[in-house]
Amino acid sequence: MDLHDMGQSNGVELVHGTVTLYGVLIAHAWLEGHSEVYDAVEDVTMPIAQYVAKHEAVAERRYTLMEACRIVGEPGTTFGPWHPTAGRMRDF
């Protein structure tokens, strides 16, 4: 939402997919746009190719800002993932 408020949300997608963390394939989410990834958990921005290589990231679903806002606004919606995923949920 901050990107939208700053007028920088065009071309930015919320990605739900998997990353490998400590040798475990987990469900994860990040933002992609303008050839970069922003990962809110790590609070880092880097080129997409670098992020994919570092985390073995695989995008499973992509959502525009409007799609994500619609889904989040539905009763009972969790933070995600919003689809069946190859990764598992795990707290570290």
N, C-alpha and C. Protein backbone atom coordinates (compact mmCIF):
# COMPACT_ATOMS: atom_id res chain seq x y z
N MET A 1 0.83 -1.19 0.00
CA MET A 1 0.00 0.00 0.00
C MET A 1 0.87 1.25 0.00
N ASP A 2 2.04 1.20 0.65
CA ASP A 2 2.93 2.36 0.65
C ASP A 2 3.38 2.69 -0.77
N LEU A 3 3.66 1.66 -1.59
CA LEU A 3 4.05 1.91 -2.98
C LEU A 3 2.94 2.61 -3.73
N HIS A 4 1.71 2.18 -3.50
CA HIS A 4 0.56 2.81 -4.15
C HIS A 4 0.46 4.27 -3.73
N ASP A 5 0.59 4.52 -2.45
CA ASP A 5 0.49 5.89 -1.94
C ASP A 5 1.59 6.79 -2.49
N MET A 6 2.75 6.21 -2.81
CA MET A 6 3.85 6.99 -3.38
C MET A 6 3.80 7.03 -4.90
N GLY A 7 2.78 6.39 -5.49
CA GLY A 7 2.66 6.37 -6.95
C GLY A 7 3.66 5.46 -7.63
N GLN A 8 4.14 4.43 -6.93
CA GLN A 8 5.17 3.54 -7.47
C GLN A 8 4.71 2.09 -7.58
N SER A 9 3.41 1.86 -7.62
CA SER A 9 2.93 0.47 -7.63
C SER A 9 2.73 -0.10 -9.03
N ASN A 10 2.81 0.70 -10.07
CA ASN A 10 2.64 0.17 -11.43
C ASN A 10 3.72 -0.87 -11.73
N GLY A 11 3.29 -2.04 -12.16
CA GLY A 11 4.23 -3.10 -12.52
C GLY A 11 4.74 -3.90 -11.34
N VAL A 12 4.26 -3.61 -10.14
CA VAL A 12 4.70 -4.35 -8.96
C VAL A 12 3.68 -5.44 -8.66
N GLU A 13 4.18 -6.64 -8.39
CA GLU A 13 3.31 -7.78 -8.08
C GLU A 13 3.70 -8.39 -6.74
N LEU A 14 2.69 -8.88 -6.04
CA LEU A 14 2.92 -9.70 -4.86
C LEU A 14 3.08 -11.12 -5.36
N VAL A 15 4.17 -11.76 -4.97
CA VAL A 15 4.45 -13.12 -5.41
C VAL A 15 4.35 -14.06 -4.22
N HIS A 16 3.58 -15.13 -4.37
CA HIS A 16 3.56 -16.22 -3.39
C HIS A 16 4.25 -17.39 -4.05
N GLY A 17 5.18 -17.98 -3.33
CA GLY A 17 5.92 -19.11 -3.89
C GLY A 17 6.70 -19.81 -2.80
N THR A 18 7.84 -20.35 -3.18
CA THR A 18 8.67 -21.07 -2.23
C THR A 18 10.09 -20.53 -2.25
N VAL A 19 10.75 -20.65 -1.11
CA VAL A 19 12.18 -20.39 -0.99
C VAL A 19 12.76 -21.50 -0.13
N THR A 20 14.05 -21.70 -0.23
CA THR A 20 14.73 -22.65 0.64
C THR A 20 15.43 -21.88 1.73
N LEU A 21 15.10 -22.21 2.96
CA LEU A 21 15.67 -21.55 4.13
C LEU A 21 16.17 -22.61 5.08
N TYR A 22 17.44 -22.57 5.37
CA TYR A 22 18.06 -23.58 6.25
C TYR A 22 17.80 -24.99 5.73
N GLY A 23 17.80 -25.15 4.42
CA GLY A 23 17.62 -26.45 3.81
C GLY A 23 16.19 -26.93 3.74
N VAL A 24 15.23 -26.07 4.13
CA VAL A 24 13.81 -26.45 4.13
C VAL A 24 13.07 -25.62 3.10
N LEU A 25 12.27 -26.29 2.27
CA LEU A 25 11.44 -25.61 1.29
C LEU A 25 10.21 -25.06 2.00
N ILE A 26 10.09 -23.72 2.02
CA ILE A 26 8.97 -23.11 2.76
C ILE A 26 8.16 -22.20 1.84
N ALA A 27 6.91 -22.00 2.22
CA ALA A 27 6.06 -21.03 1.54
C ALA A 27 6.52 -19.63 1.95
N HIS A 28 6.54 -18.70 0.99
CA HIS A 28 7.05 -17.36 1.26
C HIS A 28 6.40 -16.39 0.29
N ALA A 29 6.52 -15.12 0.59
CA ALA A 29 5.99 -14.07 -0.28
C ALA A 29 7.01 -12.95 -0.42
N TRP A 30 6.99 -12.30 -1.58
CA TRP A 30 7.87 -11.16 -1.83
C TRP A 30 7.22 -10.29 -2.90
N LEU A 31 7.75 -9.10 -3.08
CA LEU A 31 7.29 -8.20 -4.13
C LEU A 31 8.29 -8.20 -5.27
N GLU A 32 7.78 -8.18 -6.50
CA GLU A 32 8.64 -8.05 -7.68
C GLU A 32 8.14 -6.89 -8.53
N GLY A 33 9.08 -6.13 -9.02
CA GLY A 33 8.75 -5.05 -9.93
C GLY A 33 9.99 -4.32 -10.36
N HIS A 34 9.98 -3.87 -11.60
CA HIS A 34 11.09 -3.07 -12.12
C HIS A 34 12.42 -3.82 -11.98
N SER A 35 12.39 -5.13 -12.25
CA SER A 35 13.57 -6.01 -12.25
C SER A 35 14.17 -6.24 -10.87
N GLU A 36 13.42 -5.91 -9.81
CA GLU A 36 13.93 -6.10 -8.46
C GLU A 36 12.92 -6.85 -7.59
N VAL A 37 13.44 -7.42 -6.51
CA VAL A 37 12.63 -8.08 -5.48
C VAL A 37 12.76 -7.26 -4.21
N TYR A 38 11.64 -7.12 -3.51
CA TYR A 38 11.69 -6.62 -2.14
C TYR A 38 11.16 -7.73 -1.25
N ASP A 39 11.97 -8.15 -0.29
CA ASP A 39 11.58 -9.18 0.67
C ASP A 39 11.40 -8.49 2.02
N ALA A 40 10.16 -8.40 2.48
CA ALA A 40 9.86 -7.68 3.72
C ALA A 40 10.40 -8.40 4.95
N VAL A 41 10.52 -9.71 4.90
CA VAL A 41 11.04 -10.45 6.05
C VAL A 41 12.50 -10.10 6.29
N GLU A 42 13.27 -10.06 5.21
CA GLU A 42 14.68 -9.71 5.31
C GLU A 42 14.91 -8.20 5.21
N ASP A 43 13.87 -7.47 4.78
CA ASP A 43 13.96 -6.03 4.52
C ASP A 43 15.12 -5.73 3.57
N VAL A 44 15.13 -6.45 2.44
CA VAL A 44 16.17 -6.24 1.42
C VAL A 44 15.54 -6.09 0.04
N THR A 45 16.23 -5.35 -0.79
CA THR A 45 15.90 -5.21 -2.21
C THR A 45 17.10 -5.66 -3.00
N MET A 46 16.86 -6.48 -4.03
CA MET A 46 17.96 -6.96 -4.87
C MET A 46 17.41 -7.34 -6.24
N PRO A 47 18.29 -7.48 -7.24
CA PRO A 47 17.82 -7.94 -8.55
C PRO A 47 17.14 -9.30 -8.45
N ILE A 48 16.13 -9.49 -9.29
CA ILE A 48 15.35 -10.74 -9.26
C ILE A 48 16.26 -11.96 -9.40
N ALA A 49 17.16 -11.95 -10.37
CA ALA A 49 18.03 -13.11 -10.60
C ALA A 49 18.88 -13.42 -9.37
N GLN A 50 19.34 -12.42 -8.67
CA GLN A 50 20.14 -12.63 -7.47
C GLN A 50 19.29 -13.25 -6.36
N TYR A 51 18.06 -12.77 -6.21
CA TYR A 51 17.16 -13.31 -5.19
C TYR A 51 16.83 -14.77 -5.47
N VAL A 52 16.52 -15.06 -6.73
CA VAL A 52 16.21 -16.44 -7.12
C VAL A 52 17.38 -17.36 -6.82
N ALA A 53 18.59 -16.93 -7.17
CA ALA A 53 19.78 -17.76 -6.94
C ALA A 53 20.05 -17.93 -5.44
N LYS A 54 19.93 -16.85 -4.68
CA LYS A 54 20.23 -16.90 -3.25
C LYS A 54 19.27 -17.78 -2.48
N HIS A 55 17.98 -17.72 -2.83
CA HIS A 55 16.95 -18.42 -2.05
C HIS A 55 16.29 -19.58 -2.78
N GLU A 56 16.77 -19.90 -3.98
CA GLU A 56 16.12 -20.93 -4.81
C GLU A 56 14.63 -20.63 -4.91
N ALA A 57 14.31 -19.35 -5.10
CA ALA A 57 12.92 -18.88 -5.11
C ALA A 57 12.20 -19.35 -6.36
N VAL A 58 10.99 -19.84 -6.15
CA VAL A 58 10.12 -20.27 -7.26
C VAL A 58 8.77 -19.57 -7.07
N ALA A 59 8.41 -18.75 -8.04
CA ALA A 59 7.11 -18.07 -8.00
C ALA A 59 6.02 -19.07 -8.38
N GLU A 60 4.99 -19.15 -7.54
CA GLU A 60 3.86 -20.04 -7.83
C GLU A 60 2.62 -19.26 -8.24
N ARG A 61 2.40 -18.10 -7.65
CA ARG A 61 1.26 -17.24 -8.00
C ARG A 61 1.69 -15.79 -7.93
N ARG A 62 1.11 -14.99 -8.81
CA ARG A 62 1.39 -13.54 -8.84
C ARG A 62 0.07 -12.79 -8.73
N TYR A 63 0.10 -11.70 -7.97
CA TYR A 63 -1.09 -10.89 -7.74
C TYR A 63 -0.77 -9.42 -7.97
N THR A 64 -1.63 -8.73 -8.70
CA THR A 64 -1.50 -7.29 -8.80
C THR A 64 -1.91 -6.68 -7.47
N LEU A 65 -1.62 -5.40 -7.31
CA LEU A 65 -2.02 -4.74 -6.08
C LEU A 65 -3.52 -4.82 -5.87
N MET A 66 -4.28 -4.60 -6.93
CA MET A 66 -5.74 -4.65 -6.80
C MET A 66 -6.22 -6.05 -6.45
N GLU A 67 -5.64 -7.08 -7.06
CA GLU A 67 -6.03 -8.46 -6.73
C GLU A 67 -5.71 -8.78 -5.27
N ALA A 68 -4.53 -8.39 -4.81
CA ALA A 68 -4.14 -8.66 -3.43
C ALA A 68 -5.06 -7.94 -2.45
N CYS A 69 -5.41 -6.70 -2.74
CA CYS A 69 -6.31 -5.93 -1.87
C CYS A 69 -7.69 -6.59 -1.81
N ARG A 70 -8.17 -7.07 -2.96
CA ARG A 70 -9.48 -7.73 -2.99
C ARG A 70 -9.45 -8.99 -2.13
N ILE A 71 -8.40 -9.80 -2.28
CA ILE A 71 -8.30 -11.05 -1.54
C ILE A 71 -8.17 -10.79 -0.04
N VAL A 72 -7.32 -9.85 0.33
CA VAL A 72 -7.11 -9.53 1.75
C VAL A 72 -8.40 -9.02 2.39
N GLY A 73 -9.23 -8.36 1.59
CA GLY A 73 -10.48 -7.84 2.11
C GLY A 73 -11.57 -8.87 2.32
N GLU A 74 -11.37 -10.09 1.85
CA GLU A 74 -12.38 -11.14 2.02
C GLU A 74 -12.34 -11.67 3.45
N PRO A 75 -13.50 -11.91 4.05
CA PRO A 75 -13.54 -12.42 5.43
C PRO A 75 -12.76 -13.73 5.57
N GLY A 76 -11.99 -13.83 6.63
CA GLY A 76 -11.27 -15.06 6.94
C GLY A 76 -9.97 -15.25 6.18
N THR A 77 -9.57 -14.27 5.39
CA THR A 77 -8.33 -14.40 4.62
C THR A 77 -7.12 -14.31 5.54
N THR A 78 -6.17 -15.21 5.33
CA THR A 78 -4.92 -15.19 6.07
C THR A 78 -3.88 -14.40 5.27
N PHE A 79 -2.68 -14.27 5.83
CA PHE A 79 -1.61 -13.57 5.13
C PHE A 79 -1.07 -14.38 3.96
N GLY A 80 -1.45 -15.64 3.86
CA GLY A 80 -1.06 -16.47 2.73
C GLY A 80 -0.31 -17.70 3.19
N PRO A 81 0.02 -18.55 2.28
CA PRO A 81 -0.31 -18.47 0.86
C PRO A 81 -1.81 -18.68 0.63
N TRP A 82 -2.27 -18.18 -0.50
CA TRP A 82 -3.70 -18.24 -0.84
C TRP A 82 -3.99 -19.36 -1.83
N HIS A 83 -3.05 -20.24 -2.05
CA HIS A 83 -3.19 -21.33 -3.01
C HIS A 83 -2.45 -22.55 -2.45
N PRO A 84 -2.72 -23.74 -2.98
CA PRO A 84 -1.90 -24.90 -2.59
C PRO A 84 -0.46 -24.65 -3.02
N THR A 85 0.48 -24.92 -2.16
CA THR A 85 1.88 -24.61 -2.43
C THR A 85 2.77 -25.83 -2.25
N ALA A 86 3.91 -25.82 -2.94
CA ALA A 86 4.88 -26.89 -2.79
C ALA A 86 5.64 -26.74 -1.47
N GLY A 87 5.67 -25.53 -0.92
CA GLY A 87 6.38 -25.28 0.33
C GLY A 87 5.53 -25.56 1.53
N ARG A 88 6.16 -25.62 2.66
CA ARG A 88 5.38 -25.81 3.87
C ARG A 88 5.56 -24.60 4.76
N MET A 89 4.63 -24.43 5.65
CA MET A 89 4.70 -23.32 6.59
C MET A 89 5.52 -23.79 7.80
N ARG A 90 6.46 -22.96 8.22
CA ARG A 90 7.28 -23.34 9.35
C ARG A 90 7.81 -22.08 10.02
N ASP A 91 7.77 -22.03 11.32
CA ASP A 91 8.34 -20.91 12.04
C ASP A 91 9.80 -21.18 12.33
N PHE A 92 10.60 -20.15 12.18
CA PHE A 92 12.03 -20.27 12.49
C PHE A 92 12.40 -19.34 13.60
